[in-house]
Protein backbone atom coordinates (compact mmCIF):
# COMPACT_ATOMS: atom_id res chain seq x y z
CA MET A 1 -18.84 1.27 -33.18
CA VAL A 2 -18.60 5.13 -32.24
CA ALA A 3 -15.41 7.19 -31.63
CA TRP A 4 -15.87 6.83 -27.77
CA ASP A 5 -15.30 2.98 -28.20
CA LEU A 6 -11.94 3.64 -29.89
CA LEU A 7 -11.03 5.85 -27.15
CA ARG A 8 -11.81 3.26 -24.73
CA MET A 9 -9.22 1.19 -26.51
CA LEU A 10 -6.65 3.90 -26.52
CA ILE A 11 -7.14 4.25 -22.76
CA SER A 12 -6.30 0.64 -22.21
CA VAL A 13 -2.73 1.39 -22.21
CA THR A 14 -2.46 2.56 -18.90
CA VAL A 15 0.85 4.46 -18.55
CA VAL A 16 2.58 6.97 -20.65
CA THR A 17 6.25 7.92 -19.68
CA THR A 18 7.64 11.33 -20.45
CA HIS A 19 11.26 12.63 -19.24
CA ALA A 20 10.78 16.13 -19.87
CA GLN A 21 8.92 17.38 -16.82
CA PHE A 22 11.17 15.90 -13.88
CA GLN A 23 14.78 15.94 -14.09
CA CYS A 24 17.26 14.62 -11.35
CA PRO A 25 19.34 17.58 -9.92
CA ASP A 26 23.27 17.17 -9.56
CA MET A 27 23.71 13.77 -8.21
CA ALA A 28 24.98 10.20 -8.64
CA PRO A 29 24.83 9.30 -12.27
CA HIS A 30 23.31 5.72 -11.35
CA CYS A 31 19.87 7.37 -10.61
CA THR A 32 17.50 8.66 -13.34
CA CYS A 33 14.39 10.97 -13.09
CA SER A 34 11.36 10.39 -14.96
CA GLU A 35 7.66 11.23 -14.70
CA ARG A 36 4.83 8.83 -15.52
CA VAL A 37 1.60 9.68 -16.26
CA ALA A 38 -0.72 6.82 -15.20
CA TRP A 39 -4.41 6.66 -16.27
CA TRP A 40 -6.86 5.05 -13.79
CA SER A 41 -10.36 5.15 -15.23
CA LEU A 42 -12.61 5.92 -18.38
CA GLN A 43 -13.33 9.22 -16.56
CA LEU A 44 -10.05 10.43 -17.74
CA ASP A 45 -8.75 10.83 -14.07
CA TYR A 46 -4.86 10.45 -13.93
CA VAL A 47 -1.86 10.95 -11.67
CA LYS A 48 1.64 12.09 -12.27
CA LEU A 49 4.25 10.07 -10.50
CA LYS A 50 7.50 11.52 -10.04
CA THR A 51 10.10 8.53 -9.99
CA VAL A 52 13.97 8.22 -8.99
CA ASN A 53 15.10 4.90 -10.44
CA CYS A 54 18.21 3.80 -8.79
CA SER A 55 17.81 -0.03 -9.44
CA HIS A 56 19.82 -2.67 -11.27
CA ASN A 57 23.10 -0.64 -10.56
CA LYS A 58 25.07 -3.04 -8.53
CA LEU A 59 24.95 -0.38 -5.66
CA ALA A 60 26.84 -1.22 -2.43
CA GLU A 61 25.00 1.60 -0.45
CA ILE A 62 22.06 4.07 -1.21
CA PRO A 63 23.62 7.08 -3.03
CA ASP A 64 23.30 10.74 -1.62
CA LEU A 65 19.60 11.58 -2.16
CA SER A 66 20.40 15.12 -0.46
CA PRO A 67 20.20 16.96 -3.92
CA LEU A 68 16.47 15.74 -3.87
CA SER A 69 15.70 17.53 -0.53
CA GLU A 70 13.88 20.49 -2.18
CA VAL A 71 11.79 17.98 -4.56
CA SER A 72 8.69 16.25 -3.40
CA PHE A 73 8.68 12.92 -5.55
CA ASP A 74 6.48 9.52 -5.45
CA VAL A 75 8.59 6.66 -6.19
CA LEU A 76 12.28 5.85 -5.20
CA LEU A 77 13.48 2.45 -7.00
CA LEU A 78 16.47 0.84 -5.03
CA ASN A 79 15.69 -2.93 -6.05
CA ASN A 80 18.25 -5.29 -7.39
CA ASN A 81 21.33 -3.78 -6.00
CA ASN A 82 23.87 -5.02 -3.35
CA ILE A 83 22.76 -2.77 -0.61
CA LYS A 84 23.71 -4.25 2.86
CA HIS A 85 22.76 -1.52 5.44
CA LEU A 86 20.09 0.83 5.65
CA LYS A 87 20.55 4.12 8.12
CA ARG A 88 18.48 7.03 8.67
CA SER A 89 20.68 9.37 7.07
CA ASN A 90 19.73 7.65 3.48
CA PHE A 91 16.45 8.94 3.70
CA ALA A 92 17.06 12.36 5.66
CA ASN A 93 15.23 15.35 4.23
CA ILE A 94 13.51 13.79 1.33
CA SER A 95 9.75 13.49 0.90
CA VAL A 96 8.68 10.26 -0.80
CA THR A 97 5.49 8.11 -0.89
CA GLU A 98 6.72 4.68 -2.07
CA ILE A 99 10.19 3.12 -1.52
CA VAL A 100 11.08 -0.36 -3.27
CA LEU A 101 14.01 -2.04 -1.92
CA ARG A 102 13.23 -5.51 -3.00
CA LYS A 103 16.36 -7.91 -3.61
CA ASN A 104 18.81 -6.33 -1.53
CA PRO A 105 21.26 -8.65 0.75
CA LEU A 106 20.38 -6.66 3.78
CA LYS A 107 22.47 -7.37 6.75
CA GLN A 108 21.64 -4.19 9.13
CA ILE A 109 18.54 -1.85 9.27
CA ASP A 110 18.73 0.96 11.70
CA THR A 111 15.57 0.85 13.89
CA ASP A 112 15.12 4.71 13.06
CA VAL A 113 15.69 4.23 9.40
CA PHE A 114 12.25 5.71 8.21
CA GLN A 115 11.74 8.02 11.09
CA ASP A 116 11.74 11.07 8.83
CA LEU A 117 9.45 9.63 6.08
CA ALA A 118 6.91 8.71 8.94
CA ASP A 119 4.29 11.26 7.41
CA ASP A 120 5.00 10.72 3.80
CA LEU A 121 5.62 6.55 3.31
CA GLN A 122 2.46 5.02 1.96
CA SER A 123 4.03 1.97 0.19
CA LEU A 124 7.29 0.06 1.17
CA ASP A 125 8.55 -3.20 -0.60
CA MET A 126 11.16 -5.16 1.20
CA ASP A 127 10.58 -8.37 -0.74
CA SER A 128 13.51 -10.70 -0.74
CA ASP A 129 15.93 -8.55 1.19
CA ARG A 130 16.89 -11.70 3.85
CA ILE A 131 14.95 -10.05 6.80
CA LYS A 132 15.07 -12.39 9.69
CA ILE A 133 11.22 -11.68 10.43
CA ASP A 134 11.69 -13.26 14.05
CA SER A 135 13.72 -10.86 15.12
CA GLY A 136 11.06 -8.26 14.99
CA LEU A 137 10.43 -5.26 12.77
CA PRO A 138 11.26 -2.27 14.86
CA PHE A 139 12.24 -0.29 11.75
CA LEU A 140 8.77 0.02 10.61
CA ARG A 141 7.78 1.67 14.00
CA GLY A 142 5.73 5.14 13.57
CA LEU A 143 4.90 4.78 9.86
CA HIS A 144 1.51 5.83 10.58
CA ASN A 145 0.62 6.38 6.93
CA LEU A 146 1.87 3.26 5.70
CA LYS A 147 -0.91 1.53 3.55
CA VAL A 148 1.20 -1.16 1.46
CA LEU A 149 3.80 -3.50 2.92
CA ASP A 150 5.66 -6.32 1.15
CA LEU A 151 7.65 -8.80 3.43
CA GLY A 152 7.49 -11.72 0.99
CA TYR A 153 10.67 -14.10 0.33
CA ASN A 154 12.39 -13.12 3.71
CA GLN A 155 13.19 -15.32 6.61
CA LEU A 156 11.45 -17.05 9.58
CA LYS A 157 14.30 -18.94 11.83
CA ASN A 158 12.20 -20.60 14.39
CA LYS A 159 12.31 -24.29 13.91
CA PHE A 160 8.52 -24.65 13.42
CA LYS A 161 8.60 -21.97 10.78
CA SER A 162 5.64 -20.61 12.22
CA PHE A 163 4.95 -16.67 12.01
CA PRO A 164 5.46 -15.39 15.51
CA PRO A 165 2.86 -13.43 17.67
CA GLY A 166 3.17 -9.54 18.26
CA ILE A 167 5.49 -8.84 15.56
CA PHE A 168 3.28 -5.91 14.42
CA SER A 169 2.15 -5.00 18.05
CA GLY A 170 3.19 -1.27 19.04
CA LEU A 171 4.48 -0.45 15.88
CA ASN A 172 1.50 2.02 15.14
CA LEU A 173 0.91 0.92 11.57
CA LYS A 174 -2.78 2.05 11.97
CA SER A 175 -3.05 2.87 8.27
CA LEU A 176 -1.83 -0.60 6.93
CA ARG A 177 -4.24 -2.08 4.39
CA THR A 178 -2.35 -4.33 2.02
CA LEU A 179 0.33 -7.24 3.55
CA THR A 180 2.47 -9.61 1.76
CA LEU A 181 4.11 -12.70 3.50
CA GLN A 182 4.77 -14.69 0.54
CA ALA A 183 7.06 -17.35 0.33
CA LEU A 184 8.38 -17.35 4.30
CA GLN A 185 8.34 -21.40 4.20
CA MET A 186 5.80 -20.94 6.96
CA SER A 187 3.61 -23.81 8.36
CA ARG A 188 1.17 -21.98 10.61
CA LEU A 189 0.47 -18.37 11.98
CA ASP A 190 0.44 -18.23 15.66
CA PRO A 191 -2.33 -16.39 17.78
CA GLY A 192 -1.46 -12.87 17.85
CA THR A 193 0.11 -12.61 14.25
CA PHE A 194 -2.13 -9.84 13.07
CA GLN A 195 -2.10 -7.91 16.61
CA GLY A 196 -1.79 -4.16 15.77
CA ILE A 197 -2.70 -4.55 12.15
CA GLU A 198 -6.52 -5.63 12.41
CA ASN A 199 -7.76 -3.16 9.75
CA LEU A 200 -5.89 -5.14 6.82
CA GLU A 201 -8.19 -5.31 3.76
CA GLN A 202 -5.46 -7.44 1.36
CA LEU A 203 -3.56 -10.16 2.82
CA ASP A 204 -1.23 -12.61 0.57
CA LEU A 205 0.03 -15.86 2.06
CA SER A 206 0.74 -17.52 -0.91
CA PHE A 207 3.76 -20.01 -1.58
CA ASN A 208 3.96 -21.13 1.91
CA PHE A 209 3.44 -24.64 3.51
CA LEU A 210 0.08 -23.98 5.57
CA PHE A 211 -1.44 -27.40 5.84
CA GLU A 212 -4.74 -25.91 6.76
CA PHE A 213 -6.97 -22.59 6.47
CA PRO A 214 -5.15 -20.24 8.81
CA LYS A 215 -7.43 -19.35 11.61
CA GLU A 216 -5.47 -16.21 12.73
CA VAL A 217 -6.76 -14.74 9.46
CA LEU A 218 -10.48 -14.83 10.99
CA THR A 219 -9.32 -12.11 13.28
CA LEU A 220 -9.39 -9.68 10.28
CA LYS A 221 -13.01 -8.62 10.08
CA ASN A 222 -12.10 -5.90 7.29
CA LEU A 223 -10.41 -8.48 5.10
CA LYS A 224 -11.53 -7.93 1.35
CA ASP A 225 -8.93 -10.15 -0.44
CA LEU A 226 -7.22 -13.04 0.47
CA LYS A 227 -4.43 -15.02 -1.42
CA LEU A 228 -3.55 -18.55 -0.31
CA PHE A 229 -2.15 -20.18 -3.65
CA THR A 230 0.36 -22.56 -3.26
CA ASN A 231 0.22 -24.32 0.13
CA ASP A 232 -0.65 -27.77 1.26
CA MET A 233 -4.49 -27.26 2.38
CA GLY A 234 -6.24 -30.64 1.81
CA GLN A 235 -9.65 -29.86 2.94
CA LEU A 236 -12.19 -26.74 3.74
CA LEU A 237 -14.20 -27.74 6.68
CA ASN A 238 -17.61 -26.08 7.69
CA ASN A 239 -16.98 -22.13 8.82
CA THR A 240 -13.69 -22.00 7.39
CA CYS A 241 -14.40 -18.43 6.69
CA LYS A 242 -16.29 -17.73 9.60
CA GLY A 243 -16.81 -13.83 10.33
CA LEU A 244 -14.98 -12.84 6.90
CA THR A 245 -18.03 -10.98 5.79
CA LYS A 246 -16.34 -8.39 3.82
CA LEU A 247 -13.99 -10.65 1.77
CA ARG A 248 -14.57 -10.25 -1.88
CA GLN A 249 -11.82 -12.33 -3.21
CA LEU A 250 -10.56 -15.80 -2.21
CA LEU A 251 -7.63 -17.16 -4.20
CA ILE A 252 -6.92 -20.60 -2.86
CA GLY A 253 -5.55 -22.30 -6.04
CA VAL A 254 -2.51 -24.86 -6.11
CA ASN A 255 -3.30 -26.62 -2.79
CA GLU A 256 -4.45 -30.26 -2.17
CA ILE A 257 -8.09 -29.63 -1.72
CA GLU A 258 -10.14 -32.74 -2.16
CA PHE A 259 -12.93 -31.83 -0.05
CA ILE A 260 -15.28 -28.60 0.40
CA ASP A 261 -17.94 -28.92 3.26
CA ASN A 262 -21.17 -27.36 2.24
CA ALA A 263 -20.67 -24.67 4.84
CA ALA A 264 -17.39 -23.86 4.13
CA PHE A 265 -17.96 -20.34 2.81
CA ARG A 266 -20.60 -19.60 5.16
CA ASP A 267 -20.44 -15.76 6.12
CA LEU A 268 -19.29 -14.81 2.55
CA ASP A 269 -22.94 -15.16 1.11
CA ASN A 270 -23.01 -11.49 0.54
CA SER A 271 -19.63 -10.64 -0.15
CA ILE A 272 -17.41 -13.12 -2.10
CA VAL A 273 -17.21 -11.79 -6.01
CA GLU A 274 -14.37 -13.96 -7.30
CA LEU A 275 -13.41 -17.75 -5.99
CA ASN A 276 -10.51 -19.19 -7.44
CA LEU A 277 -9.95 -22.90 -6.92
CA TYR A 278 -7.15 -23.62 -9.57
CA HIS A 279 -5.34 -26.75 -9.41
CA ASN A 280 -7.24 -28.78 -6.43
CA PRO A 281 -8.21 -32.12 -7.17
CA LEU A 282 -11.94 -31.74 -6.59
CA TYR A 283 -13.12 -33.70 -9.55
CA LYS A 284 -16.64 -31.95 -9.24
CA VAL A 285 -18.33 -28.54 -8.99
CA PRO A 286 -18.54 -27.92 -5.34
CA THR A 287 -22.16 -27.18 -6.24
CA GLU A 288 -23.36 -26.95 -2.67
CA ALA A 289 -20.47 -25.05 -1.13
CA ILE A 290 -21.04 -22.08 -3.66
CA ARG A 291 -24.95 -22.42 -3.83
CA ASN A 292 -25.67 -19.46 -1.46
CA LEU A 293 -22.92 -17.00 -2.68
CA THR A 294 -25.14 -14.38 -4.00
CA LYS A 295 -22.40 -12.10 -5.02
CA LEU A 296 -20.21 -14.51 -6.93
CA GLN A 297 -19.28 -13.50 -10.44
CA SER A 298 -16.05 -15.23 -11.05
CA LEU A 299 -15.18 -18.92 -10.63
CA SER A 300 -12.22 -20.54 -11.56
CA LEU A 301 -11.99 -24.40 -11.70
CA VAL A 302 -8.98 -24.74 -13.77
CA LYS A 303 -7.02 -28.03 -13.39
CA THR A 304 -9.48 -29.44 -11.18
CA TYR A 305 -9.51 -32.75 -12.72
CA LEU A 306 -13.37 -32.28 -14.16
CA ASN A 307 -14.19 -35.03 -16.52
CA GLU A 308 -17.88 -34.06 -16.26
CA ILE A 309 -20.30 -31.31 -15.30
CA GLU A 310 -23.76 -32.65 -14.34
CA ASN A 311 -26.95 -30.80 -14.88
CA GLY A 312 -27.60 -28.42 -11.98
CA SER A 313 -24.12 -28.21 -11.27
CA PHE A 314 -24.43 -24.32 -11.57
CA VAL A 315 -28.04 -23.68 -9.95
CA GLY A 316 -27.62 -21.22 -6.96
CA GLU A 317 -28.40 -17.73 -5.76
CA TYR A 318 -25.65 -16.23 -7.89
CA LYS A 319 -25.31 -15.11 -11.30
CA LEU A 320 -21.98 -16.08 -12.59
CA LYS A 321 -20.65 -13.98 -15.34
CA GLU A 322 -17.08 -15.46 -15.68
CA LEU A 323 -16.16 -19.14 -15.64
CA HIS A 324 -12.70 -20.79 -16.22
CA LEU A 325 -12.58 -24.51 -17.11
CA ASP A 326 -9.03 -24.46 -18.67
CA LEU A 327 -6.64 -27.53 -18.19
CA ASN A 328 -9.22 -30.39 -17.61
CA PRO A 329 -8.42 -32.27 -20.81
CA ASP A 330 -10.87 -35.16 -19.65
CA LEU A 331 -14.06 -32.75 -19.81
CA THR A 332 -16.74 -33.76 -21.79
CA PHE A 333 -19.56 -31.52 -23.26
CA ASP A 334 -21.92 -34.18 -23.68
CA ASN A 335 -24.50 -32.80 -20.95
CA GLU A 336 -26.39 -30.20 -22.70
CA GLY A 337 -27.75 -28.88 -19.38
CA MET A 338 -24.06 -28.30 -18.02
CA PHE A 339 -24.47 -24.81 -17.59
CA TYR A 340 -27.95 -24.71 -16.46
CA GLY A 341 -28.29 -22.00 -13.80
CA ILE A 342 -25.84 -19.67 -15.42
CA GLU A 343 -27.28 -19.49 -18.92
CA ASP A 344 -28.73 -16.30 -18.61
CA SER A 345 -25.93 -14.46 -16.79
CA LEU A 346 -22.38 -15.91 -18.08
CA GLU A 347 -20.64 -13.46 -20.30
CA VAL A 348 -16.98 -14.71 -20.04
CA LEU A 349 -15.90 -18.39 -20.58
CA TYR A 350 -12.37 -19.92 -20.80
CA LEU A 351 -11.90 -23.38 -22.49
CA ARG A 352 -8.04 -23.40 -23.10
CA SER A 353 -6.17 -26.23 -23.27
CA LEU A 354 -9.16 -28.81 -23.48
CA ASN A 355 -7.88 -30.76 -26.72
CA LEU A 356 -11.01 -29.43 -28.69
CA THR A 357 -11.09 -29.85 -32.24
CA GLN A 358 -14.68 -27.85 -32.52
CA LEU A 359 -16.34 -25.60 -30.18
CA PRO A 360 -19.14 -27.51 -28.34
CA LEU A 361 -21.97 -25.30 -29.77
CA ASP A 362 -24.80 -27.36 -28.36
CA VAL A 363 -23.90 -26.19 -24.75
CA LEU A 364 -22.46 -22.63 -25.69
CA THR A 365 -25.53 -21.54 -27.67
CA ARG A 366 -27.39 -21.71 -24.49
CA LEU A 367 -25.20 -19.13 -23.05
CA GLU A 368 -27.33 -15.94 -24.06
CA LYS A 369 -24.85 -13.53 -22.91
CA LEU A 370 -21.67 -14.98 -23.85
CA ARG A 371 -19.45 -12.32 -25.19
CA TYR A 372 -15.94 -13.29 -24.65
CA LEU A 373 -14.54 -16.50 -25.39
CA ASP A 374 -11.04 -17.82 -25.01
CA ALA A 375 -10.59 -21.26 -26.29
CA SER A 376 -6.82 -20.98 -26.85
CA ASN A 377 -4.17 -23.79 -26.93
CA ASN A 378 -6.62 -26.54 -28.27
CA ALA A 379 -6.82 -28.59 -31.66
CA PHE A 380 -8.45 -26.51 -34.04
CA ASN A 381 -7.52 -26.84 -37.70
CA ASN A 382 -9.90 -24.60 -39.60
CA ILE A 383 -12.62 -21.99 -38.93
CA ASP A 384 -15.40 -22.99 -41.33
CA LYS A 385 -18.78 -21.08 -41.92
CA HIS A 386 -20.63 -23.01 -38.88
CA PHE A 387 -17.49 -22.52 -36.48
CA PHE A 388 -19.34 -19.92 -34.38
CA LYS A 389 -22.75 -20.66 -35.63
CA GLY A 390 -25.42 -19.50 -33.08
CA LEU A 391 -22.94 -17.30 -31.19
CA HIS A 392 -22.90 -13.68 -30.95
CA LEU A 393 -19.25 -12.70 -29.49
CA SER A 394 -17.46 -9.78 -29.10
CA ASN A 395 -13.89 -11.01 -28.25
CA ILE A 396 -12.63 -14.18 -29.48
CA GLN A 397 -9.14 -15.80 -28.18
CA LEU A 398 -7.90 -18.73 -30.43
CA THR A 399 -4.06 -18.39 -29.85
CA TRP A 400 -1.94 -21.47 -30.16
CA ASN A 401 -3.79 -23.53 -32.12
CA LYS A 402 -3.27 -24.94 -35.72
CA ILE A 403 -5.70 -22.85 -37.59
CA LYS A 404 -4.73 -22.69 -41.39
CA HIS A 405 -8.03 -21.17 -42.99
CA VAL A 406 -10.77 -18.79 -41.96
CA ASP A 407 -13.92 -18.62 -43.58
CA HIS A 408 -15.33 -15.12 -43.68
CA MET A 409 -18.94 -16.55 -43.38
CA ALA A 410 -18.27 -17.92 -39.83
CA PHE A 411 -18.62 -14.03 -38.94
CA GLN A 412 -21.92 -13.19 -40.85
CA ASP A 413 -24.10 -13.11 -37.94
CA PHE A 414 -21.82 -11.27 -35.73
CA HIS A 415 -22.37 -7.59 -34.58
CA LYS A 416 -19.77 -4.94 -35.50
CA GLY A 417 -16.86 -4.19 -32.82
CA VAL A 418 -15.36 -7.76 -32.66
CA ILE A 419 -11.96 -8.46 -31.57
CA LEU A 420 -10.16 -11.56 -32.89
CA ASN A 421 -6.69 -13.03 -31.83
CA LEU A 422 -5.21 -15.53 -33.87
CA HIS A 423 -2.05 -15.50 -32.62
CA HIS A 424 0.73 -18.40 -33.17
CA ASN A 425 -1.38 -20.35 -35.78
CA MET A 426 -0.68 -21.44 -39.10
CA LEU A 427 -2.45 -18.93 -41.52
CA SER A 428 -0.99 -18.11 -44.45
CA ASP A 429 -3.36 -15.21 -45.45
CA ILE A 430 -6.06 -12.90 -43.83
CA ASP A 431 -7.97 -12.47 -47.10
CA PHE A 432 -11.21 -13.08 -44.90
CA ILE A 433 -10.90 -9.47 -43.74
CA LEU A 434 -11.97 -8.53 -47.39
CA GLU A 435 -14.97 -10.72 -47.54
CA VAL A 436 -16.40 -9.79 -44.16
CA GLU A 437 -18.69 -6.97 -43.75
CA ALA A 438 -16.94 -3.99 -43.22
CA CYS A 439 -16.29 -3.02 -39.55
CA THR A 440 -17.24 -6.27 -38.40
CA PHE A 441 -13.52 -6.21 -36.73
CA ASP A 442 -12.35 -3.66 -34.23
CA GLU A 443 -9.15 -5.36 -33.86
CA VAL A 444 -7.46 -8.58 -35.65
CA LEU A 445 -4.25 -9.94 -34.11
CA VAL A 446 -2.26 -12.67 -36.20
CA THR A 447 1.15 -12.27 -34.96
CA GLY A 448 3.19 -15.61 -34.84
CA ASN A 449 1.84 -16.89 -38.14
CA SER A 450 3.41 -17.31 -41.88
CA ILE A 451 1.59 -14.57 -43.53
CA LYS A 452 2.68 -13.79 -47.03
CA CYS A 453 3.42 -9.77 -47.95
CA ASP A 454 1.31 -9.66 -51.16
CA CYS A 455 -1.35 -7.51 -52.65
CA PRO A 456 -4.40 -8.74 -50.77
CA LEU A 457 -2.36 -8.10 -47.36
CA GLU A 458 -1.81 -4.53 -48.59
CA GLU A 459 -5.60 -4.35 -49.39
CA ALA A 460 -6.48 -5.55 -45.95
CA LEU A 461 -4.46 -3.24 -43.97
CA ASN A 462 -5.24 -0.27 -45.92
CA SER A 463 -8.90 -0.50 -46.88
CA GLY A 464 -10.08 0.55 -43.50
CA ARG A 465 -12.31 -2.55 -43.08
CA VAL A 466 -10.86 -2.99 -39.45
CA ALA A 467 -11.92 -0.22 -37.07
CA TRP A 468 -8.84 0.09 -35.28
CA GLN A 469 -5.87 -2.10 -36.14
CA VAL A 470 -4.22 -5.43 -37.57
CA VAL A 471 -1.50 -6.45 -35.86
CA GLY A 472 1.05 -8.92 -37.31
CA GLU A 473 3.93 -9.59 -39.38
CA CYS A 474 4.57 -11.02 -42.76
CA TYR A 475 7.21 -12.40 -44.90
CA VAL A 476 8.87 -11.74 -48.52
CA ASP A 477 9.67 -15.13 -50.38
CA GLU A 478 12.68 -14.14 -52.17
CA THR A 479 14.59 -12.62 -48.82
CA ASP A 480 12.63 -14.50 -46.08
CA ASN A 481 12.64 -11.02 -44.41
CA ARG A 482 9.86 -10.36 -41.84
CA TYR A 483 7.88 -7.13 -41.73
CA ASP A 484 5.94 -5.71 -39.03
CA PHE A 485 2.64 -4.57 -40.23
CA LYS A 486 3.19 -1.09 -39.04
CA ASP A 487 6.68 -1.10 -40.32
CA PRO A 488 6.60 1.95 -43.05
CA SER A 489 9.20 -0.16 -45.26
CA LEU A 490 6.52 -2.79 -45.74
CA MET A 491 4.19 -0.28 -47.50
CA LYS A 492 6.99 0.87 -49.52
CA TYR A 493 7.72 -2.56 -50.67
CA LEU A 494 4.07 -3.46 -51.33
CA HIS A 495 3.59 -0.57 -53.34
CA THR A 496 6.06 -1.43 -55.73
CA LYS A 497 4.15 -4.34 -56.41
CA CYS A 498 0.55 -3.33 -55.85
CA PRO A 499 -1.77 -0.43 -56.40
CA LYS A 500 -2.03 1.79 -53.29
CA THR A 501 -5.52 1.00 -51.61
CA SER A 502 -7.35 4.09 -50.56
CA PRO A 503 -9.88 3.63 -47.57
CA LYS A 504 -13.21 2.26 -49.04
CA THR A 505 -14.83 2.76 -45.42
CA SER A 506 -14.84 4.67 -42.32
CA CYS A 507 -16.09 2.64 -39.17
CA PHE A 508 -16.99 5.66 -37.34
CA GLU A 509 -19.52 7.25 -39.96
CA ALA A 510 -22.28 5.04 -39.06
CA ALA A 511 -23.10 6.06 -35.66
CA PRO A 512 -22.84 9.90 -34.81
CA VAL A 513 -20.80 10.88 -31.81
CA SER A 514 -23.07 12.46 -28.87
CA ALA A 515 -22.17 15.79 -27.43
CA SER A 516 -20.93 14.52 -23.98
CA GLU A 517 -18.76 11.77 -25.87
CA HIS A 518 -17.34 14.56 -27.99
CA LEU A 519 -16.64 16.61 -24.86
CA LYS A 520 -14.64 13.59 -23.36
CA LEU A 521 -12.77 12.77 -26.47
CA MET A 522 -11.69 16.44 -26.47
CA HIS A 523 -10.55 16.23 -22.85
CA PHE A 524 -8.77 13.22 -23.30
CA LEU A 525 -6.67 14.73 -26.15
CA TYR A 526 -6.08 17.60 -24.45
CA LEU A 527 -4.73 15.79 -21.32
CA LEU A 528 -2.81 13.25 -23.71
CA TRP A 529 -1.00 16.60 -25.13
CA CYS A 530 -0.44 17.93 -22.06
CA ALA A 531 1.41 14.90 -20.71
CA LEU A 532 3.65 14.68 -23.86
CA ILE A 533 4.62 17.98 -24.52
């Protein structure tokens, strides 16, 4: 592993917060100001989000924000208060792009409340604010730059619990792309529901009582992501998704879907990337329905009551990369051809909560590109030398098992750079790290075990044999105290008993860093330094 790989892991922490560069002017003491540095990509792009946080303060009204009139900031947090009335003066003379108002018992919202923010406001969260949707949403009128709107967990008062037509019509929400209508207890969407916001790209209708796929969704020709989790749908008929040719993600788990017509996903052939059918009584892989989905990469069949996957179930025009089979405790792996069709494409496999006592190597070894395996919450007792035989994994998740011992020979054929997660097992030591070839592991996580603070542990932590870090804690017999591996007092304790181990190897010496990688690393360190000073 080269230094750039370590940098990749460091960047996986996406937000760094510093309080030095943006401070609140003289204003109410219940608000704090901070600046978050958010890293967005491996190209080291980042944005600084100036945030005014007035949340969780039992506020009965919005505090005076006028001292911020000369400051342009990004986020205003007013959530989890006791605010009942929103009026225009609350937001006069300020400039902000995102407002979070969720979980306030609103009783009155003036129609011109956001008028002074029409050019600035891009994201508005009014989840759980007791808004009566049927009465209309005139307070949104003129927010022509609004891109994200959350109206979840509010109220529909009509007796049919239907989302009424024309609610968004005439509001000039021409930039709206993301809409959340979670948990409105709605049973249907009336014709004209999305009139005025036809350019939506993300729509969340989860946690409602929709008994069939809502046809009004078909008017949204630009839709890319659709969430229909936790409704009452029982079947998907032919042409269910007619015209949704740009849909990339369909999450339709936790319904009562027993039957999927062969042409249910017609028109998604060249668009759909992720299909989530979690917790539906399918009993089998919907082979014919997904056969022609050429772009499909991720499929979830979690808790779909599978007991067998027949040979050819995954034969299709797609190249599946990620498959979830969790929570199908009766699923057998006797059919060696169960993954035929995706043997040369599957990279990520989830086998959680299947009562496995050993890995089904006969079928797993056929997956030539498998690199990520999550077999958490099964019934493994030990990792013997044959446990992974024939597999070449780079990320192994075996949390919440009953593993007592790990044989270092289990990893003898692995390439360097493995992440191993053994959280909440029954390990008493991590001596296997001392026997495995140096730098086999990038990271080892052993939190939630009963590991003893002893000299082999000190050597495992300090020898440099793990490229990045070992995460966990250990206990001391005589005191039953537990130490985090990163606690300086742990090393102080261990060095009273053990000779201090000097690193015997460096996992970054083997592979030289290219000039371009070196420049990227230097650029990252410079930006990080700028963010923290």
